[in-house]
């Protein structure tokens, strides 16, 4: 039995508060 998982992620630029707090990227992707 073949199974697959599809994940959707919404990305947006950091807002000024996040920049002020030196927020780090919390997700990345590999492949296509």
N, C-alpha and C. Protein backbone atom coordinates (compact mmCIF):
# COMPACT_ATOMS: atom_id res chain seq x y z
N UNK A 1 0.85 -1.18 0.00
CA UNK A 1 0.00 0.00 0.00
C UNK A 1 0.89 1.25 0.00
N UNK A 2 0.73 2.10 -0.98
CA UNK A 2 1.50 3.33 -1.07
C UNK A 2 0.75 4.45 -0.36
N UNK A 3 1.49 5.20 0.45
CA UNK A 3 0.90 6.34 1.15
C UNK A 3 1.71 7.58 0.83
N UNK A 4 1.07 8.72 0.85
CA UNK A 4 1.78 9.98 0.66
C UNK A 4 1.19 11.03 1.58
N UNK A 5 2.01 12.00 1.88
CA UNK A 5 1.58 13.11 2.74
C UNK A 5 1.77 14.39 1.96
N UNK A 6 0.77 15.22 1.91
CA UNK A 6 0.86 16.52 1.25
C UNK A 6 0.78 17.59 2.33
N UNK A 7 1.73 18.50 2.30
CA UNK A 7 1.79 19.56 3.30
C UNK A 7 1.72 20.91 2.60
N UNK A 8 0.90 21.80 3.10
CA UNK A 8 0.80 23.15 2.55
C UNK A 8 1.33 24.13 3.61
N UNK A 9 2.16 25.05 3.18
CA UNK A 9 2.74 26.04 4.09
C UNK A 9 2.56 27.41 3.48
N UNK A 10 2.06 28.33 4.26
CA UNK A 10 1.91 29.72 3.80
C UNK A 10 3.10 30.51 4.33
N UNK A 11 3.82 31.15 3.45
CA UNK A 11 5.00 31.93 3.83
C UNK A 11 4.72 33.41 3.65
N UNK A 12 5.28 34.22 4.52
CA UNK A 12 5.14 35.67 4.42
C UNK A 12 6.43 36.30 4.92
N UNK A 13 6.69 37.52 4.52
CA UNK A 13 7.88 38.22 5.02
C UNK A 13 7.73 38.52 6.51
N UNK A 14 8.86 38.68 7.19
CA UNK A 14 8.82 39.07 8.60
C UNK A 14 8.22 40.46 8.73
N UNK A 15 7.42 40.68 9.78
CA UNK A 15 6.94 42.03 10.05
C UNK A 15 7.99 42.77 10.89
N UNK A 16 7.78 44.04 11.14
CA UNK A 16 8.80 44.84 11.83
C UNK A 16 9.09 44.31 13.23
N UNK A 17 8.07 43.87 13.94
CA UNK A 17 8.27 43.33 15.29
C UNK A 17 9.17 42.10 15.25
N UNK A 18 8.92 41.21 14.29
CA UNK A 18 9.74 40.01 14.15
C UNK A 18 11.18 40.37 13.80
N UNK A 19 11.36 41.37 12.95
CA UNK A 19 12.71 41.84 12.62
C UNK A 19 13.40 42.40 13.85
N UNK A 20 12.67 43.20 14.64
CA UNK A 20 13.23 43.79 15.85
C UNK A 20 13.66 42.73 16.86
N UNK A 21 12.96 41.60 16.88
CA UNK A 21 13.27 40.51 17.80
C UNK A 21 14.29 39.52 17.22
N UNK A 22 14.82 39.83 16.03
CA UNK A 22 15.78 38.95 15.35
C UNK A 22 15.24 37.53 15.19
N UNK A 23 14.00 37.45 14.76
CA UNK A 23 13.33 36.16 14.57
C UNK A 23 14.06 35.33 13.52
N UNK A 24 14.15 34.02 13.76
CA UNK A 24 14.81 33.10 12.84
C UNK A 24 13.77 32.39 11.98
N UNK A 25 14.18 31.97 10.80
CA UNK A 25 13.31 31.18 9.92
C UNK A 25 13.04 29.84 10.61
N UNK A 26 11.78 29.41 10.62
CA UNK A 26 11.44 28.17 11.33
C UNK A 26 11.10 27.01 10.41
N UNK A 27 11.15 27.24 9.11
CA UNK A 27 10.86 26.16 8.16
C UNK A 27 11.71 26.35 6.92
N UNK A 28 12.07 25.24 6.31
CA UNK A 28 12.78 25.29 5.03
C UNK A 28 12.31 24.10 4.21
N UNK A 29 12.66 24.10 2.93
CA UNK A 29 12.23 22.98 2.11
C UNK A 29 13.40 22.48 1.28
N UNK A 30 13.31 21.22 0.94
CA UNK A 30 14.30 20.59 0.08
C UNK A 30 13.56 19.91 -1.05
N UNK A 31 14.13 19.89 -2.22
CA UNK A 31 13.48 19.22 -3.34
C UNK A 31 12.44 20.10 -3.98
N UNK A 32 11.57 19.45 -4.76
CA UNK A 32 10.58 20.24 -5.50
C UNK A 32 9.23 20.23 -4.85
